[in-house]
Protein backbone atom coordinates (compact mmCIF):
# COMPACT_ATOMS: atom_id res chain seq x y z
CA MET A 1 -16.54 27.03 -22.49
CA LYS A 2 -14.12 25.58 -19.95
CA ALA A 3 -12.11 27.01 -17.09
CA GLN A 4 -9.18 25.56 -15.20
CA ALA A 5 -10.00 25.61 -11.48
CA ILE A 6 -8.33 24.54 -8.25
CA VAL A 7 -10.54 21.95 -6.58
CA PHE A 8 -10.20 20.75 -3.00
CA GLU A 9 -11.38 17.16 -3.48
CA GLN A 10 -11.14 16.51 0.26
CA PRO A 11 -9.00 17.96 3.05
CA ARG A 12 -5.33 18.17 1.98
CA HIS A 13 -6.06 16.81 -1.49
CA LEU A 14 -6.42 19.08 -4.50
CA SER A 15 -6.34 18.97 -8.25
CA VAL A 16 -6.57 21.43 -11.11
CA GLN A 17 -9.66 20.48 -13.10
CA SER A 18 -11.31 21.61 -16.30
CA LEU A 19 -14.82 22.79 -15.35
CA ASP A 20 -17.68 24.07 -17.49
CA LEU A 21 -18.52 27.75 -17.42
CA PRO A 22 -22.17 28.77 -17.81
CA GLU A 23 -23.45 30.77 -20.75
CA LEU A 24 -23.22 34.49 -20.22
CA MET A 25 -26.56 36.02 -19.24
CA ASP A 26 -27.75 39.63 -19.09
CA HIS A 27 -25.86 41.78 -16.60
CA GLN A 28 -23.09 39.22 -16.24
CA VAL A 29 -19.43 39.51 -17.19
CA HIS A 30 -16.81 36.96 -18.15
CA VAL A 31 -13.50 37.66 -16.39
CA GLN A 32 -10.20 36.13 -17.40
CA VAL A 33 -8.25 35.75 -14.18
CA GLU A 34 -4.74 37.13 -13.83
CA TYR A 35 -4.03 36.51 -10.15
CA SER A 36 -5.67 34.91 -7.13
CA GLY A 37 -4.49 34.91 -3.54
CA ILE A 38 -4.32 32.08 -1.03
CA SER A 39 -5.95 33.03 2.26
CA THR A 40 -4.15 31.80 5.37
CA GLY A 41 -7.34 32.26 7.40
CA THR A 42 -10.54 30.67 6.16
CA GLU A 43 -8.88 28.94 3.21
CA ARG A 44 -6.40 27.21 5.50
CA LEU A 45 -9.33 25.79 7.49
CA LEU A 46 -10.97 24.55 4.29
CA TRP A 47 -7.68 22.99 3.26
CA ASP A 48 -7.06 21.07 6.47
CA GLY A 49 -10.71 20.22 7.11
CA SER A 50 -10.99 22.15 10.38
CA MET A 51 -13.50 24.77 9.19
CA PRO A 52 -16.45 24.97 11.60
CA ALA A 53 -19.96 24.44 10.21
CA PHE A 54 -20.36 27.08 7.53
CA PRO A 55 -22.99 27.73 4.84
CA GLY A 56 -21.91 26.10 1.58
CA MET A 57 -19.39 23.78 3.23
CA GLY A 58 -18.63 20.45 1.63
CA TYR A 59 -16.23 18.80 -0.80
CA PRO A 60 -15.28 18.95 -3.59
CA LEU A 61 -15.04 22.74 -3.55
CA VAL A 62 -13.42 25.60 -5.43
CA PRO A 63 -11.82 27.97 -2.90
CA GLY A 64 -10.69 31.57 -3.27
CA TYR A 65 -12.12 35.04 -2.72
CA GLU A 66 -9.13 37.22 -3.66
CA THR A 67 -9.24 37.30 -7.45
CA VAL A 68 -8.10 39.88 -9.99
CA GLY A 69 -8.62 39.70 -13.74
CA ARG A 70 -9.78 41.43 -16.89
CA VAL A 71 -13.24 41.62 -18.34
CA VAL A 72 -13.27 39.81 -21.68
CA ARG A 73 -17.04 39.70 -22.35
CA VAL A 74 -20.10 41.56 -21.15
CA ALA A 75 -23.78 40.77 -21.62
CA GLY A 76 -26.38 43.52 -21.86
CA ASP A 77 -25.93 47.00 -20.51
CA SER A 78 -22.90 47.27 -18.26
CA SER A 79 -20.82 49.94 -16.59
CA LEU A 80 -17.82 47.68 -17.17
CA SER A 81 -15.89 47.54 -20.40
CA VAL A 82 -13.88 44.83 -22.11
CA GLY A 83 -10.26 44.97 -21.00
CA GLN A 84 -11.00 46.56 -17.64
CA ARG A 85 -9.17 45.18 -14.62
CA VAL A 86 -11.50 44.14 -11.79
CA PHE A 87 -11.41 42.58 -8.34
CA LEU A 88 -13.74 39.64 -7.61
CA PRO A 89 -14.58 38.44 -4.07
CA GLY A 90 -15.19 34.92 -5.34
CA ALA A 91 -17.75 33.46 -7.74
CA ASN A 92 -20.54 30.91 -7.96
CA CYS A 93 -20.38 29.69 -11.52
CA PHE A 94 -19.32 26.03 -11.44
CA GLN A 95 -21.61 23.00 -11.38
CA GLY A 96 -20.83 19.72 -9.63
CA VAL A 97 -18.58 21.34 -7.01
CA ARG A 98 -19.12 23.65 -4.06
CA ASN A 99 -18.23 27.24 -4.83
CA LEU A 100 -16.74 28.24 -1.48
CA PHE A 101 -15.61 30.76 -2.38
CA GLY A 102 -15.20 29.92 -6.04
CA GLY A 103 -12.53 32.39 -7.17
CA SER A 104 -9.46 30.22 -7.80
CA ALA A 105 -9.88 29.59 -11.50
CA SER A 106 -8.61 30.78 -14.87
CA ASP A 107 -12.00 32.20 -15.94
CA LEU A 108 -15.11 33.24 -14.05
CA VAL A 109 -18.65 34.33 -14.90
CA VAL A 110 -20.16 36.70 -12.33
CA PRO A 111 -22.92 39.30 -11.99
CA GLN A 112 -21.51 42.63 -13.08
CA GLU A 113 -22.09 44.23 -9.67
CA ARG A 114 -19.73 41.67 -8.14
CA ALA A 115 -16.82 42.90 -10.26
CA ILE A 116 -15.20 46.01 -8.78
CA PRO A 117 -12.87 48.09 -10.99
CA VAL A 118 -9.35 48.52 -9.63
CA PRO A 119 -6.48 50.74 -10.76
CA GLU A 120 -4.22 49.33 -13.45
CA SER A 121 -1.20 50.32 -11.41
CA LEU A 122 -1.97 47.83 -8.65
CA GLY A 123 -1.33 44.71 -10.70
CA ALA A 124 -1.07 41.61 -8.50
CA GLN A 125 -1.31 43.76 -5.35
CA ALA A 126 -5.03 44.14 -6.05
CA VAL A 127 -5.60 40.66 -4.57
CA LEU A 128 -4.77 42.23 -1.19
CA LEU A 129 -7.85 44.46 -1.29
CA ALA A 130 -10.00 41.79 0.42
CA LEU A 131 -7.65 41.62 3.40
CA ALA A 132 -7.33 45.40 3.46
CA ALA A 133 -11.12 45.69 3.47
CA THR A 134 -11.30 43.18 6.33
CA ALA A 135 -8.81 45.25 8.33
CA TYR A 136 -10.70 48.44 7.51
CA HIS A 137 -14.00 46.87 8.59
CA ALA A 138 -12.44 45.94 11.94
CA VAL A 139 -11.28 49.49 12.68
CA ALA A 140 -14.29 51.22 11.10
CA GLY A 141 -16.95 48.96 12.57
CA GLY A 142 -18.83 48.85 9.29
CA GLY A 143 -20.16 52.33 10.04
CA LYS A 144 -22.38 50.90 12.80
CA ARG A 145 -20.62 52.53 15.77
CA GLU A 146 -20.06 56.22 16.34
CA VAL A 147 -16.84 55.75 18.28
CA ILE A 148 -14.16 53.20 17.42
CA THR A 149 -10.96 53.03 19.46
CA SER A 150 -7.95 52.54 17.20
CA PRO A 151 -5.74 49.58 18.11
CA ASP A 152 -2.86 50.33 20.42
CA LEU A 153 -1.95 46.62 20.42
CA ILE A 154 -2.20 44.30 17.42
CA VAL A 155 -1.55 40.59 17.91
CA GLY A 156 0.14 39.03 14.88
CA HIS A 157 2.45 40.53 12.23
CA GLY A 158 1.18 38.66 9.20
CA VAL A 159 -0.48 40.50 6.33
CA MET A 160 -3.62 41.30 8.32
CA GLY A 161 -1.65 42.64 11.27
CA ARG A 162 0.51 44.77 8.98
CA LEU A 163 -2.52 46.19 7.21
CA LEU A 164 -4.19 47.03 10.53
CA ALA A 165 -1.03 48.78 11.69
CA ARG A 166 -0.66 50.69 8.42
CA LEU A 167 -4.30 51.79 8.52
CA THR A 168 -3.82 53.00 12.10
CA VAL A 169 -0.74 55.02 11.17
CA ALA A 170 -2.44 56.38 8.03
CA ALA A 171 -5.37 57.58 10.16
CA GLY A 172 -2.99 59.67 12.27
CA ALA A 173 -3.64 57.63 15.43
CA PRO A 174 -0.81 56.92 17.88
CA GLU A 175 1.51 54.22 16.60
CA PRO A 176 0.40 50.76 17.73
CA THR A 177 2.50 48.01 19.23
CA VAL A 178 2.44 44.71 17.34
CA TRP A 179 3.12 41.38 18.99
CA GLU A 180 4.87 38.63 17.04
CA THR A 181 6.37 35.41 18.35
CA GLN A 182 8.20 34.35 15.16
CA ALA A 183 11.52 36.18 14.74
CA VAL A 184 11.39 35.90 10.93
CA ARG A 185 8.17 37.97 10.89
CA MET A 186 9.35 40.85 13.04
CA ASP A 187 10.82 42.86 10.16
CA GLY A 188 8.86 45.17 7.89
CA ALA A 189 7.30 47.59 10.37
CA GLU A 190 6.41 50.99 8.90
CA GLY A 191 5.75 53.60 11.58
CA TYR A 192 5.12 51.18 14.45
CA ARG A 193 7.10 48.74 16.57
CA VAL A 194 7.05 44.93 16.67
CA VAL A 195 7.94 43.09 19.88
CA HIS A 196 7.72 39.61 21.34
CA PRO A 197 4.86 39.54 23.89
CA ASP A 198 7.29 38.38 26.59
CA ASP A 199 9.24 41.62 26.10
CA ASP A 200 6.21 43.86 26.56
CA PRO A 201 5.34 44.78 30.16
CA ARG A 202 2.31 46.97 29.36
CA LYS A 203 -1.04 46.16 30.97
CA ASP A 204 -3.00 49.26 30.07
CA TYR A 205 -3.99 48.78 26.43
CA LYS A 206 -7.29 50.39 25.51
CA ALA A 207 -7.90 48.38 22.33
CA ILE A 208 -6.29 45.04 21.50
CA TYR A 209 -6.95 43.70 18.01
CA ASP A 210 -6.22 39.99 17.71
CA VAL A 211 -5.57 38.66 14.20
CA SER A 212 -3.64 35.58 15.28
CA GLY A 213 -6.55 33.14 15.09
CA ASP A 214 -5.30 31.60 18.35
CA SER A 215 -8.32 30.46 20.35
CA ASN A 216 -6.29 30.25 23.58
CA LEU A 217 -5.13 33.87 23.81
CA LEU A 218 -8.22 35.60 25.15
CA ASP A 219 -7.39 35.29 28.85
CA LYS A 220 -3.86 36.63 28.27
CA LEU A 221 -5.17 39.56 26.27
CA ILE A 222 -7.77 40.51 28.87
CA LEU A 223 -4.99 40.71 31.48
CA ARG A 224 -3.28 43.35 29.30
CA LEU A 225 -6.33 45.64 29.12
CA ALA A 226 -6.83 48.97 30.82
CA PRO A 227 -10.13 49.30 32.73
CA GLY A 228 -12.96 49.49 30.20
CA GLY A 229 -10.65 48.30 27.44
CA GLU A 230 -11.73 46.29 24.40
CA VAL A 231 -10.52 43.11 22.73
CA VAL A 232 -11.44 42.95 19.05
CA LEU A 233 -11.50 39.45 17.57
CA ALA A 234 -10.48 40.13 13.98
CA GLY A 235 -9.12 36.69 13.13
CA PHE A 236 -10.99 33.50 12.30
CA TYR A 237 -11.09 30.84 15.02
CA LYS A 238 -11.70 27.16 14.44
CA GLN A 239 -12.32 26.44 18.14
CA ASP A 240 -14.72 28.06 20.58
CA LEU A 241 -13.28 30.89 22.64
CA HIS A 242 -13.54 30.94 26.43
CA PHE A 243 -12.38 33.38 29.06
CA ALA A 244 -12.18 33.60 32.84
CA TYR A 245 -14.93 35.86 34.07
CA ALA A 246 -13.27 37.42 37.13
CA PRO A 247 -10.38 39.22 35.32
CA ALA A 248 -12.78 40.45 32.64
CA PHE A 249 -15.21 41.63 35.35
CA MET A 250 -12.47 43.50 37.23
CA ARG A 251 -11.53 45.39 34.07
CA GLU A 252 -15.11 45.75 32.79
CA ALA A 253 -13.68 44.37 29.56
CA GLN A 254 -15.47 44.64 26.23
CA ILE A 255 -15.17 41.94 23.56
CA ARG A 256 -16.11 42.69 19.96
CA THR A 257 -16.15 40.43 16.93
CA ALA A 258 -15.18 41.99 13.61
CA ALA A 259 -17.23 40.32 10.87
CA GLU A 260 -16.34 39.97 7.20
CA TRP A 261 -15.94 43.07 5.06
CA LYS A 262 -18.67 44.67 3.00
CA ARG A 263 -18.60 46.36 -0.39
CA ALA A 264 -18.33 49.81 1.23
CA ASP A 265 -15.15 48.69 3.04
CA LEU A 266 -13.62 47.49 -0.22
CA LEU A 267 -14.42 50.77 -1.96
CA ALA A 268 -12.96 52.73 0.96
CA VAL A 269 -9.62 50.90 0.99
CA THR A 270 -9.40 51.05 -2.81
CA GLU A 271 -9.63 54.83 -2.47
CA LEU A 272 -6.97 54.84 0.26
CA VAL A 273 -4.62 52.75 -1.89
CA THR A 274 -5.31 54.77 -5.06
CA THR A 275 -4.54 58.06 -3.29
CA GLY A 276 -1.38 56.68 -1.73
CA ARG A 277 -2.54 56.85 1.88
CA LEU A 278 -2.34 53.05 2.28
CA SER A 279 0.59 51.09 0.91
CA LEU A 280 0.35 47.44 -0.16
CA GLU A 281 4.08 47.17 -0.81
CA GLY A 282 6.09 44.32 0.66
CA LEU A 283 3.14 42.08 1.52
CA ILE A 284 3.23 39.66 -1.43
CA THR A 285 6.24 37.42 -0.92
CA HIS A 286 5.60 34.40 -3.17
CA HIS A 287 4.23 33.68 -6.65
CA GLN A 288 3.40 30.30 -8.15
CA SER A 289 1.77 28.84 -11.23
CA PRO A 290 -1.47 26.86 -10.74
CA ARG A 291 0.40 23.93 -12.26
CA ASN A 292 2.23 23.79 -8.95
CA ALA A 293 -0.83 24.43 -6.80
CA LEU A 294 -0.10 21.74 -4.19
CA ALA A 295 3.37 23.12 -3.52
CA ALA A 296 1.95 26.64 -3.38
CA TYR A 297 -0.56 25.69 -0.67
CA GLU A 298 2.07 23.86 1.36
CA VAL A 299 4.33 26.92 1.30
CA ALA A 300 1.48 29.35 1.99
CA PHE A 301 0.41 27.44 5.10
CA GLY A 302 3.74 26.07 6.29
CA ASP A 303 6.50 28.59 5.61
CA PRO A 304 6.64 31.51 8.10
CA LEU A 305 8.57 33.54 5.53
CA CYS A 306 5.52 33.43 3.24
CA LEU A 307 3.27 36.38 4.03
CA LYS A 308 1.14 36.09 0.90
CA MET A 309 1.15 33.50 -1.88
CA ILE A 310 -0.20 34.57 -5.27
CA MET A 311 -1.36 32.16 -7.95
CA ASP A 312 -0.32 33.60 -11.32
CA TRP A 313 -2.88 32.30 -13.82
CA SER A 314 -1.08 33.89 -16.76
CA ALA A 315 1.77 31.48 -15.99
CA ASN A 316 -0.70 28.62 -16.59
CA ALA A 317 -1.39 29.66 -20.16
């Protein structure tokens, strides 16, 4: 059996190729993909070739870890049923290419535990669950810390920044301030305010969550901290981060890295979305067919009006 897959042949060069799918084995499911998202974080670095050394790196590769589809076959005993809509955080089912992260394809074969049921009502919005889980992991600390300070400043009003702000508001914490330098991205706040950093005089933030991915911001953020405050690095940075020691010392600043989400984070945000406590509305701005994959990637990474690009695999049928 074949699948159509997006393949990064080398940086900034892609094609849609017909790749072999493996035979279904016990406790695996075959998922026919409906939608996959383009990540403007790690996937952008894979696209332009600036990804730091990373396990599984190399070209050609199949990207993608934000995939939603329907189960069409199951093998052996399974808690999943044919026709069920599921979320997949990528796959590793293609030979002859790197599967990093392997989810941008028309069909996937995965272990059943990797497929997480999602509500029918979510539709294409279900691709946002990976980003929502990443945001949740940043503010929940993966359950490894007893006390987490909610962000009172979020840097960046892309999808990740909006999800962090919405989670903060949903938790009943004081409304955060969000910094954004691009005027076209300042709209869309729900229960919080968005300002240009030059228009914000505050220097007493207790918790600054940076999702900009800008490696040069750390010194500026430390200067905005209250004594004992924390900077949470929740973006993905292609260059090493450095900071001046004296300002950090004077504030007794804390710096925390928020790692990738875990299954428990995904289940938690799915519950929040299902119960209506977290909204995913207004975050998907663009749809494209895989036939036009190159144009989709160029828009996703180059157009500031594009918050989230969705590949619609049903449009490729």
